């Protein structure tokens, strides 16, 4: 196979893989009623003048399905961590006993579950658009290569290959979205 064609296929696959990975990362931050320490990823704590993730200054764990426990390595940080959580967008009030901060994950209402499923589907559609765009860019490049002298059958084969990649990554997105929706809707 022509190395320019292979390069375009690799670039298209890289774009599709990036879209799927981005979707997985963004869905992790959507709270599904179960304790997941990743919901704290966007929260930053002031630590000696630097803004750092909570995991860099404390031990974060899930002792049970409805609780996240945060144990700071330095007692002085407990107020900073508590303040950072309160000021964040996660919407959970921390419970501080002087040594450990506990976050009780409230059960989701039916209305909230529906809203989260809608948000998940919206994120999924964004990822689908990215995958379609990667396919479209590759196909446009293949057509241009054919005009510049690439044999037409090689161009058609390349378009078929990029379609196979497209289908593979669309299926992966469907699986990711189905799993997240099931997680959200499971009471």
N, C-alpha and C. Protein backbone atom coordinates (compact mmCIF):
# COMPACT_ATOMS: atom_id res chain seq x y z
N UNK A 1 0.85 -1.19 0.00
CA UNK A 1 0.00 0.00 0.00
C UNK A 1 0.89 1.25 0.00
N UNK A 2 0.43 2.25 -0.68
CA UNK A 2 1.11 3.54 -0.76
C UNK A 2 1.31 4.11 0.65
N UNK A 3 2.53 4.62 0.95
CA UNK A 3 2.79 5.08 2.31
C UNK A 3 2.02 6.36 2.65
N UNK A 4 1.68 7.20 1.66
CA UNK A 4 0.84 8.37 1.93
C UNK A 4 -0.56 7.93 2.36
N UNK A 5 -1.07 6.89 1.70
CA UNK A 5 -2.39 6.35 2.04
C UNK A 5 -2.35 5.79 3.46
N UNK A 6 -1.30 5.03 3.78
CA UNK A 6 -1.17 4.45 5.11
C UNK A 6 -1.07 5.55 6.17
N UNK A 7 -0.34 6.62 5.85
CA UNK A 7 -0.21 7.73 6.78
C UNK A 7 -1.58 8.35 7.05
N UNK A 8 -2.38 8.54 6.01
CA UNK A 8 -3.72 9.12 6.18
C UNK A 8 -4.59 8.20 7.01
N UNK A 9 -4.51 6.89 6.77
CA UNK A 9 -5.29 5.93 7.56
C UNK A 9 -4.88 5.98 9.03
N UNK A 10 -3.57 6.06 9.27
CA UNK A 10 -3.07 6.14 10.65
C UNK A 10 -3.55 7.42 11.33
N UNK A 11 -3.52 8.53 10.59
CA UNK A 11 -3.98 9.81 11.15
C UNK A 11 -5.47 9.75 11.47
N UNK A 12 -6.25 9.14 10.55
CA UNK A 12 -7.69 9.03 10.78
C UNK A 12 -7.96 8.17 12.01
N UNK A 13 -7.23 7.05 12.12
CA UNK A 13 -7.44 6.17 13.28
C UNK A 13 -7.04 6.89 14.57
N UNK A 14 -5.97 7.65 14.52
CA UNK A 14 -5.53 8.40 15.70
C UNK A 14 -6.61 9.38 16.14
N UNK A 15 -7.22 10.07 15.18
CA UNK A 15 -8.29 11.01 15.50
C UNK A 15 -9.50 10.31 16.10
N UNK A 16 -9.83 9.13 15.55
CA UNK A 16 -10.97 8.37 16.06
C UNK A 16 -10.69 7.84 17.47
N UNK A 17 -9.47 7.36 17.67
CA UNK A 17 -9.08 6.84 18.98
C UNK A 17 -9.12 7.97 20.01
N UNK A 18 -8.64 9.14 19.61
CA UNK A 18 -8.65 10.31 20.51
C UNK A 18 -10.09 10.66 20.90
N UNK A 19 -11.01 10.62 19.94
CA UNK A 19 -12.42 10.93 20.23
C UNK A 19 -13.01 9.94 21.24
N UNK A 20 -12.70 8.66 21.07
CA UNK A 20 -13.21 7.63 21.99
C UNK A 20 -12.61 7.81 23.39
N UNK A 21 -11.31 8.08 23.45
CA UNK A 21 -10.65 8.28 24.75
C UNK A 21 -11.19 9.53 25.45
N UNK A 22 -11.41 10.58 24.68
CA UNK A 22 -11.93 11.82 25.24
C UNK A 22 -13.33 11.58 25.82
N UNK A 23 -14.13 10.80 25.10
CA UNK A 23 -15.48 10.49 25.58
C UNK A 23 -15.40 9.73 26.91
N UNK A 24 -14.54 8.72 26.97
CA UNK A 24 -14.40 7.95 28.21
C UNK A 24 -13.99 8.87 29.37
N UNK A 25 -13.02 9.76 29.12
CA UNK A 25 -12.56 10.68 30.16
C UNK A 25 -13.67 11.61 30.62
N UNK A 26 -14.44 12.15 29.68
CA UNK A 26 -15.49 13.09 30.09
C UNK A 26 -16.64 12.38 30.79
N UNK A 27 -16.91 11.12 30.44
CA UNK A 27 -17.99 10.39 31.10
C UNK A 27 -17.63 9.99 32.53
N UNK A 28 -16.35 9.84 32.81
CA UNK A 28 -15.91 9.47 34.16
C UNK A 28 -16.32 10.54 35.15
N UNK A 29 -16.35 11.79 34.71
CA UNK A 29 -16.66 12.90 35.60
C UNK A 29 -18.16 13.08 35.82
N UNK A 30 -18.98 12.32 35.11
CA UNK A 30 -20.43 12.40 35.31
C UNK A 30 -20.79 11.44 36.43
N UNK A 31 -21.30 11.99 37.52
CA UNK A 31 -21.59 11.20 38.71
C UNK A 31 -22.82 10.33 38.46
N UNK A 32 -22.70 9.05 38.76
CA UNK A 32 -23.79 8.12 38.48
C UNK A 32 -24.40 7.54 39.75
N UNK A 33 -24.29 8.24 40.88
CA UNK A 33 -24.90 7.76 42.10
C UNK A 33 -24.00 6.83 42.91
N UNK A 34 -22.88 6.42 42.33
CA UNK A 34 -21.93 5.59 43.06
C UNK A 34 -20.69 6.44 43.33
N UNK A 35 -20.01 6.14 44.42
CA UNK A 35 -18.80 6.87 44.75
C UNK A 35 -17.70 6.54 43.74
N UNK A 36 -17.12 7.58 43.16
CA UNK A 36 -16.02 7.42 42.21
C UNK A 36 -15.04 8.57 42.45
N UNK A 37 -13.82 8.23 42.82
CA UNK A 37 -12.85 9.27 43.18
C UNK A 37 -12.52 10.19 42.01
N UNK A 38 -12.80 9.75 40.78
CA UNK A 38 -12.48 10.58 39.61
C UNK A 38 -13.34 11.85 39.54
N UNK A 39 -14.46 11.91 40.27
CA UNK A 39 -15.25 13.15 40.24
C UNK A 39 -14.48 14.29 40.90
N UNK A 40 -13.44 13.96 41.66
CA UNK A 40 -12.62 15.00 42.31
C UNK A 40 -11.49 15.50 41.41
N UNK A 41 -11.30 14.88 40.24
CA UNK A 41 -10.19 15.27 39.35
C UNK A 41 -10.13 16.77 39.06
N UNK A 42 -11.26 17.43 38.77
CA UNK A 42 -11.16 18.86 38.44
C UNK A 42 -10.93 19.77 39.65
N UNK A 43 -11.09 19.24 40.87
CA UNK A 43 -10.95 20.07 42.07
C UNK A 43 -9.48 20.31 42.37
N UNK A 44 -9.12 21.58 42.57
CA UNK A 44 -7.74 21.96 42.85
C UNK A 44 -7.63 22.56 44.25
N UNK A 45 -6.51 22.26 44.92
CA UNK A 45 -6.25 22.74 46.27
C UNK A 45 -5.01 23.62 46.25
N UNK A 46 -5.05 24.71 47.02
CA UNK A 46 -3.88 25.58 47.13
C UNK A 46 -2.89 24.91 48.09
N UNK A 47 -1.72 24.56 47.56
CA UNK A 47 -0.70 23.86 48.35
C UNK A 47 0.62 24.60 48.20
N UNK A 48 0.99 25.34 49.21
CA UNK A 48 2.22 26.15 49.19
C UNK A 48 2.33 26.99 47.91
N UNK A 49 1.25 27.66 47.58
CA UNK A 49 1.26 28.57 46.44
C UNK A 49 0.96 27.93 45.10
N UNK A 50 0.85 26.61 45.04
CA UNK A 50 0.54 25.93 43.78
C UNK A 50 -0.88 25.36 43.85
N UNK A 51 -1.52 25.30 42.69
CA UNK A 51 -2.84 24.71 42.59
C UNK A 51 -2.67 23.25 42.14
N UNK A 52 -2.97 22.31 43.03
CA UNK A 52 -2.73 20.89 42.74
C UNK A 52 -4.00 20.06 42.93
N UNK A 53 -4.10 18.90 42.27
CA UNK A 53 -5.26 18.01 42.48
C UNK A 53 -5.25 17.47 43.92
N UNK A 54 -6.44 17.16 44.42
CA UNK A 54 -6.56 16.63 45.79
C UNK A 54 -5.71 15.37 45.96
N UNK A 55 -5.67 14.51 44.94
CA UNK A 55 -4.93 13.25 45.04
C UNK A 55 -3.43 13.48 45.29
N UNK A 56 -2.92 14.70 45.00
CA UNK A 56 -1.50 15.00 45.22
C UNK A 56 -1.19 15.37 46.67
N UNK A 57 -2.24 15.65 47.47
CA UNK A 57 -2.01 16.08 48.85
C UNK A 57 -2.76 15.25 49.88
N UNK A 58 -3.46 14.22 49.42
CA UNK A 58 -4.26 13.41 50.34
C UNK A 58 -4.46 12.01 49.79
N UNK A 59 -4.81 11.10 50.70
CA UNK A 59 -5.18 9.75 50.30
C UNK A 59 -6.68 9.77 50.04
N UNK A 60 -7.10 9.44 48.82
CA UNK A 60 -8.52 9.46 48.45
C UNK A 60 -8.97 8.02 48.22
N UNK A 61 -10.05 7.63 48.90
CA UNK A 61 -10.53 6.25 48.75
C UNK A 61 -12.05 6.20 48.79
N UNK A 62 -12.60 5.03 48.45
CA UNK A 62 -14.04 4.80 48.53
C UNK A 62 -14.29 3.63 49.48
N UNK A 63 -14.51 3.93 50.78
CA UNK A 63 -14.73 2.85 51.74
C UNK A 63 -16.00 2.04 51.46
N UNK A 64 -16.99 2.67 50.83
CA UNK A 64 -18.19 1.95 50.41
C UNK A 64 -18.76 2.62 49.16
N UNK A 65 -19.84 2.07 48.62
CA UNK A 65 -20.37 2.54 47.33
C UNK A 65 -20.95 3.95 47.38
N UNK A 66 -21.19 4.48 48.57
CA UNK A 66 -21.83 5.80 48.69
C UNK A 66 -20.95 6.85 49.36
N UNK A 67 -19.68 6.53 49.60
CA UNK A 67 -18.81 7.46 50.34
C UNK A 67 -17.43 7.58 49.69
N UNK A 68 -16.93 8.80 49.68
CA UNK A 68 -15.53 9.06 49.30
C UNK A 68 -14.85 9.61 50.54
N UNK A 69 -13.72 9.01 50.91
CA UNK A 69 -12.97 9.48 52.09
C UNK A 69 -11.68 10.15 51.61
N UNK A 70 -11.39 11.31 52.18
CA UNK A 70 -10.19 12.07 51.83
C UNK A 70 -9.40 12.29 53.12
N UNK A 71 -8.20 11.73 53.18
CA UNK A 71 -7.35 11.88 54.37
C UNK A 71 -6.09 12.65 53.97
N UNK A 72 -6.04 13.95 54.33
CA UNK A 72 -4.87 14.77 53.96
C UNK A 72 -3.60 14.26 54.63
N UNK A 73 -2.49 14.43 53.91
CA UNK A 73 -1.20 14.02 54.45
C UNK A 73 -0.73 15.00 55.51
N UNK A 74 -1.21 16.24 55.43
CA UNK A 74 -0.88 17.25 56.43
C UNK A 74 -2.19 17.77 57.01
N UNK A 75 -2.32 17.77 58.32
CA UNK A 75 -3.58 18.20 58.97
C UNK A 75 -3.98 19.62 58.57
N UNK A 76 -2.99 20.47 58.35
CA UNK A 76 -3.28 21.87 58.01
C UNK A 76 -4.06 21.99 56.70
N UNK A 77 -3.99 21.00 55.86
CA UNK A 77 -4.66 21.07 54.55
C UNK A 77 -6.15 20.75 54.60
N UNK A 78 -6.63 20.25 55.72
CA UNK A 78 -8.02 19.79 55.77
C UNK A 78 -9.00 20.92 55.43
N UNK A 79 -8.74 22.13 55.93
CA UNK A 79 -9.62 23.28 55.64
C UNK A 79 -9.51 23.69 54.17
N UNK A 80 -8.29 23.67 53.63
CA UNK A 80 -8.08 24.01 52.21
C UNK A 80 -8.85 23.06 51.30
N UNK A 81 -8.74 21.76 51.60
CA UNK A 81 -9.43 20.75 50.78
C UNK A 81 -10.94 20.92 50.88
N UNK A 82 -11.41 21.12 52.11
CA UNK A 82 -12.86 21.31 52.32
C UNK A 82 -13.35 22.54 51.54
N UNK A 83 -12.61 23.63 51.61
CA UNK A 83 -12.97 24.86 50.90
C UNK A 83 -12.99 24.63 49.38
N UNK A 84 -11.99 23.89 48.87
CA UNK A 84 -11.91 23.62 47.43
C UNK A 84 -13.11 22.79 46.96
N UNK A 85 -13.52 21.82 47.78
CA UNK A 85 -14.68 20.99 47.40
C UNK A 85 -15.96 21.81 47.42
N UNK A 86 -16.13 22.65 48.44
CA UNK A 86 -17.33 23.49 48.53
C UNK A 86 -17.40 24.44 47.34
N UNK A 87 -16.26 25.00 46.93
CA UNK A 87 -16.25 25.96 45.82
C UNK A 87 -16.28 25.30 44.44
N UNK A 88 -16.16 23.97 44.39
CA UNK A 88 -16.15 23.27 43.10
C UNK A 88 -17.58 23.07 42.60
N UNK A 89 -17.70 22.47 41.42
CA UNK A 89 -19.01 22.25 40.82
C UNK A 89 -19.54 20.84 41.06
N UNK A 90 -18.92 20.07 41.97
CA UNK A 90 -19.40 18.69 42.15
C UNK A 90 -20.70 18.62 42.94
N UNK A 91 -21.01 19.67 43.70
CA UNK A 91 -22.31 19.75 44.35
C UNK A 91 -22.51 18.81 45.53
N UNK A 92 -21.44 18.48 46.23
CA UNK A 92 -21.55 17.63 47.41
C UNK A 92 -20.92 18.38 48.59
N UNK A 93 -21.62 18.42 49.72
CA UNK A 93 -21.10 19.11 50.89
C UNK A 93 -20.20 18.15 51.67
N UNK A 94 -18.95 18.56 51.93
CA UNK A 94 -18.04 17.69 52.66
C UNK A 94 -18.37 17.63 54.15
N UNK A 95 -18.09 16.49 54.77
CA UNK A 95 -18.26 16.30 56.20
C UNK A 95 -16.87 16.10 56.80
N UNK A 96 -16.45 17.04 57.64
CA UNK A 96 -15.09 17.06 58.16
C UNK A 96 -15.10 16.73 59.65
N UNK A 97 -14.38 15.64 60.04
CA UNK A 97 -14.32 15.28 61.47
C UNK A 97 -12.98 15.68 62.10
N UNK A 98 -12.20 16.50 61.40
CA UNK A 98 -10.92 16.96 61.93
C UNK A 98 -9.73 16.15 61.42
N UNK A 99 -9.98 14.93 60.95
CA UNK A 99 -8.92 14.09 60.41
C UNK A 99 -9.20 13.63 58.99
N UNK A 100 -10.47 13.32 58.74
CA UNK A 100 -10.88 12.81 57.43
C UNK A 100 -12.07 13.62 56.93
N UNK A 101 -12.06 13.90 55.62
CA UNK A 101 -13.21 14.54 55.00
C UNK A 101 -13.99 13.43 54.30
N UNK A 102 -15.28 13.36 54.58
CA UNK A 102 -16.12 12.36 53.92
C UNK A 102 -17.11 13.07 53.00
N UNK A 103 -17.27 12.50 51.80
CA UNK A 103 -18.28 12.99 50.86
C UNK A 103 -19.31 11.88 50.72
N UNK A 104 -20.53 12.16 51.15
CA UNK A 104 -21.61 11.18 50.98
C UNK A 104 -22.29 11.43 49.65
N UNK A 105 -22.25 10.43 48.79
CA UNK A 105 -22.83 10.57 47.46
C UNK A 105 -24.33 10.33 47.58
N UNK A 106 -25.14 11.36 47.36
CA UNK A 106 -26.58 11.19 47.50
C UNK A 106 -27.14 10.36 46.34
N UNK A 107 -28.22 9.60 46.60
CA UNK A 107 -28.84 8.86 45.50
C UNK A 107 -29.42 9.85 44.49
N UNK A 108 -29.40 9.49 43.23
CA UNK A 108 -29.90 10.37 42.18
C UNK A 108 -31.42 10.27 42.07
N UNK A 109 -32.05 11.40 41.86
CA UNK A 109 -33.49 11.38 41.60
C UNK A 109 -33.72 10.92 40.17
N UNK A 110 -34.93 10.50 39.88
CA UNK A 110 -35.26 10.04 38.52
C UNK A 110 -35.02 11.16 37.51
N UNK A 111 -35.41 12.38 37.90
CA UNK A 111 -35.22 13.54 37.02
C UNK A 111 -33.74 13.78 36.75
N UNK A 112 -32.91 13.67 37.79
CA UNK A 112 -31.47 13.88 37.65
C UNK A 112 -30.86 12.80 36.78
N UNK A 113 -31.33 11.56 36.94
CA UNK A 113 -30.84 10.45 36.11
C UNK A 113 -31.11 10.74 34.63
N UNK A 114 -32.34 11.20 34.34
CA UNK A 114 -32.70 11.50 32.94
C UNK A 114 -31.80 12.62 32.39
N UNK A 115 -31.56 13.63 33.22
CA UNK A 115 -30.71 14.75 32.78
C UNK A 115 -29.28 14.26 32.51
N UNK A 116 -28.79 13.36 33.37
CA UNK A 116 -27.44 12.82 33.16
C UNK A 116 -27.36 11.97 31.90
N UNK A 117 -28.40 11.18 31.63
CA UNK A 117 -28.42 10.37 30.40
C UNK A 117 -28.40 11.29 29.18
N UNK A 118 -29.16 12.39 29.27
CA UNK A 118 -29.16 13.36 28.17
C UNK A 118 -27.76 13.94 27.96
N UNK A 119 -27.09 14.26 29.08
CA UNK A 119 -25.72 14.80 29.01
C UNK A 119 -24.77 13.77 28.39
N UNK A 120 -24.91 12.50 28.79
CA UNK A 120 -24.08 11.42 28.25
C UNK A 120 -24.29 11.31 26.74
N UNK A 121 -25.55 11.35 26.31
CA UNK A 121 -25.84 11.24 24.87
C UNK A 121 -25.27 12.43 24.09
N UNK A 122 -25.31 13.61 24.71
CA UNK A 122 -24.75 14.80 24.07
C UNK A 122 -23.23 14.64 23.90
N UNK A 123 -22.56 14.17 24.95
CA UNK A 123 -21.11 13.92 24.86
C UNK A 123 -20.83 12.88 23.78
N UNK A 124 -21.68 11.85 23.73
CA UNK A 124 -21.52 10.80 22.72
C UNK A 124 -21.67 11.34 21.31
N UNK A 125 -22.62 12.25 21.12
CA UNK A 125 -22.82 12.82 19.78
C UNK A 125 -21.61 13.65 19.37
N UNK A 126 -21.01 14.38 20.31
CA UNK A 126 -19.80 15.14 20.01
C UNK A 126 -18.68 14.20 19.54
N UNK A 127 -18.55 13.06 20.22
CA UNK A 127 -17.51 12.09 19.85
C UNK A 127 -17.81 11.51 18.46
N UNK A 128 -19.08 11.23 18.19
CA UNK A 128 -19.45 10.70 16.86
C UNK A 128 -19.09 11.69 15.75
N UNK A 129 -19.36 12.96 16.02
CA UNK A 129 -19.04 14.00 15.03
C UNK A 129 -17.53 14.02 14.77
N UNK A 130 -16.73 13.90 15.82
CA UNK A 130 -15.27 13.89 15.66
C UNK A 130 -14.83 12.70 14.80
N UNK A 131 -15.44 11.55 15.04
CA UNK A 131 -15.08 10.35 14.26
C UNK A 131 -15.49 10.53 12.79
N UNK A 132 -16.69 11.06 12.57
CA UNK A 132 -17.12 11.31 11.18
C UNK A 132 -16.20 12.31 10.49
N UNK A 133 -15.78 13.33 11.23
CA UNK A 133 -14.87 14.33 10.65
C UNK A 133 -13.54 13.71 10.26
N UNK A 134 -13.01 12.81 11.11
CA UNK A 134 -11.75 12.13 10.80
C UNK A 134 -11.90 11.31 9.52
N UNK A 135 -13.04 10.61 9.38
CA UNK A 135 -13.29 9.82 8.16
C UNK A 135 -13.38 10.75 6.94
N UNK A 136 -14.11 11.86 7.10
CA UNK A 136 -14.30 12.79 5.99
C UNK A 136 -12.96 13.39 5.53
N UNK A 137 -12.11 13.76 6.49
CA UNK A 137 -10.80 14.32 6.13
C UNK A 137 -9.96 13.30 5.36
N UNK A 138 -10.00 12.05 5.82
CA UNK A 138 -9.23 11.00 5.15
C UNK A 138 -9.76 10.78 3.73
N UNK A 139 -11.08 10.69 3.59
CA UNK A 139 -11.67 10.47 2.26
C UNK A 139 -11.36 11.62 1.31
N UNK A 140 -11.38 12.84 1.82
CA UNK A 140 -11.05 14.00 1.00
C UNK A 140 -9.59 13.90 0.52
N UNK A 141 -8.71 13.49 1.42
CA UNK A 141 -7.30 13.33 1.06
C UNK A 141 -7.11 12.24 0.00
N UNK A 142 -7.85 11.13 0.16
CA UNK A 142 -7.74 10.03 -0.81
C UNK A 142 -8.20 10.49 -2.20
N UNK A 143 -9.29 11.25 -2.25
CA UNK A 143 -9.78 11.76 -3.54
C UNK A 143 -8.75 12.69 -4.18
N UNK A 144 -8.12 13.51 -3.37
CA UNK A 144 -7.09 14.43 -3.86
C UNK A 144 -5.90 13.63 -4.40
N UNK A 145 -5.52 12.55 -3.66
CA UNK A 145 -4.39 11.71 -4.10
C UNK A 145 -4.70 11.03 -5.43
N UNK A 146 -5.96 10.61 -5.62
CA UNK A 146 -6.35 9.98 -6.89
C UNK A 146 -6.20 10.99 -8.03
N UNK A 147 -6.61 12.24 -7.78
CA UNK A 147 -6.47 13.29 -8.80
C UNK A 147 -5.01 13.53 -9.14
N UNK A 148 -4.12 13.33 -8.12
CA UNK A 148 -2.69 13.57 -8.32
C UNK A 148 -1.95 12.33 -8.82
N UNK A 149 -2.69 11.29 -9.21
CA UNK A 149 -2.02 10.15 -9.84
C UNK A 149 -2.09 8.83 -9.09
N UNK A 150 -2.68 8.78 -7.91
CA UNK A 150 -2.84 7.52 -7.19
C UNK A 150 -3.84 6.65 -7.96
N UNK A 151 -3.55 5.37 -8.16
CA UNK A 151 -4.51 4.51 -8.87
C UNK A 151 -5.88 4.54 -8.18
N UNK A 152 -6.93 4.58 -8.99
CA UNK A 152 -8.28 4.73 -8.47
C UNK A 152 -8.67 3.57 -7.54
N UNK A 153 -8.26 2.33 -7.91
CA UNK A 153 -8.62 1.20 -7.05
C UNK A 153 -7.95 1.29 -5.68
N UNK A 154 -6.74 1.83 -5.62
CA UNK A 154 -6.06 2.02 -4.33
C UNK A 154 -6.83 3.06 -3.50
N UNK A 155 -7.31 4.11 -4.15
CA UNK A 155 -8.11 5.13 -3.47
C UNK A 155 -9.40 4.55 -2.92
N UNK A 156 -10.06 3.70 -3.72
CA UNK A 156 -11.32 3.07 -3.27
C UNK A 156 -11.05 2.12 -2.10
N UNK A 157 -9.95 1.36 -2.18
CA UNK A 157 -9.59 0.45 -1.08
C UNK A 157 -9.33 1.25 0.21
N UNK A 158 -8.65 2.38 0.06
CA UNK A 158 -8.35 3.23 1.21
C UNK A 158 -9.64 3.76 1.84
N UNK A 159 -10.59 4.17 0.98
CA UNK A 159 -11.88 4.65 1.50
C UNK A 159 -12.61 3.53 2.23
N UNK A 160 -12.53 2.31 1.72
CA UNK A 160 -13.16 1.16 2.39
C UNK A 160 -12.48 0.91 3.75
N UNK A 161 -11.15 1.04 3.78
CA UNK A 161 -10.42 0.82 5.03
C UNK A 161 -10.80 1.87 6.09
N UNK A 162 -10.92 3.12 5.66
CA UNK A 162 -11.27 4.18 6.61
C UNK A 162 -12.71 3.99 7.09
N UNK A 163 -13.56 3.44 6.23
CA UNK A 163 -14.95 3.16 6.64
C UNK A 163 -14.97 2.05 7.71
N UNK A 164 -14.09 1.05 7.54
CA UNK A 164 -14.00 -0.03 8.55
C UNK A 164 -13.56 0.55 9.89
N UNK A 165 -12.57 1.46 9.86
CA UNK A 165 -12.12 2.12 11.09
C UNK A 165 -13.28 2.90 11.73
N UNK A 166 -14.00 3.63 10.88
CA UNK A 166 -15.15 4.41 11.34
C UNK A 166 -16.15 3.51 12.05
N UNK A 167 -16.50 2.39 11.42
CA UNK A 167 -17.49 1.47 11.99
C UNK A 167 -16.99 0.88 13.31
N UNK A 168 -15.70 0.55 13.37
CA UNK A 168 -15.11 -0.02 14.59
C UNK A 168 -15.21 0.97 15.75
N UNK A 169 -14.87 2.23 15.49
CA UNK A 169 -14.89 3.22 16.57
C UNK A 169 -16.31 3.66 16.92
N UNK A 170 -17.22 3.64 15.97
CA UNK A 170 -18.63 3.94 16.29
C UNK A 170 -19.19 2.86 17.21
N UNK A 171 -18.84 1.61 16.96
CA UNK A 171 -19.29 0.51 17.83
C UNK A 171 -18.69 0.69 19.23
N UNK A 172 -17.42 1.08 19.29
CA UNK A 172 -16.78 1.30 20.59
C UNK A 172 -17.52 2.40 21.36
N UNK A 173 -17.87 3.49 20.66
CA UNK A 173 -18.63 4.57 21.31
C UNK A 173 -19.97 4.07 21.82
N UNK A 174 -20.67 3.28 21.00
CA UNK A 174 -21.96 2.74 21.41
C UNK A 174 -21.82 1.91 22.68
N UNK A 175 -20.77 1.10 22.76
CA UNK A 175 -20.53 0.26 23.95
C UNK A 175 -20.25 1.13 25.18
N UNK A 176 -19.41 2.16 25.02
CA UNK A 176 -19.08 3.06 26.13
C UNK A 176 -20.35 3.76 26.63
N UNK A 177 -21.15 4.27 25.69
CA UNK A 177 -22.37 5.01 26.06
C UNK A 177 -23.39 4.09 26.72
N UNK A 178 -23.55 2.88 26.19
CA UNK A 178 -24.52 1.94 26.78
C UNK A 178 -24.13 1.59 28.21
N UNK A 179 -22.84 1.38 28.45
CA UNK A 179 -22.36 1.04 29.80
C UNK A 179 -22.62 2.20 30.76
N UNK A 180 -22.35 3.43 30.33
CA UNK A 180 -22.55 4.59 31.20
C UNK A 180 -24.03 4.82 31.48
N UNK A 181 -24.88 4.67 30.45
CA UNK A 181 -26.32 4.85 30.66
C UNK A 181 -26.85 3.80 31.63
N UNK A 182 -26.37 2.57 31.49
CA UNK A 182 -26.80 1.51 32.40
C UNK A 182 -26.37 1.85 33.83
N UNK A 183 -25.14 2.35 33.98
CA UNK A 183 -24.63 2.73 35.30
C UNK A 183 -25.50 3.83 35.92
N UNK A 184 -25.89 4.81 35.12
CA UNK A 184 -26.70 5.91 35.62
C UNK A 184 -28.10 5.46 35.99
N UNK A 185 -28.70 4.62 35.15
CA UNK A 185 -30.09 4.22 35.35
C UNK A 185 -30.27 3.11 36.37
N UNK A 186 -29.19 2.45 36.76
CA UNK A 186 -29.28 1.40 37.77
C UNK A 186 -29.43 2.04 39.15
N UNK A 187 -30.53 1.73 39.79
CA UNK A 187 -30.82 2.34 41.10
C UNK A 187 -30.17 1.53 42.20
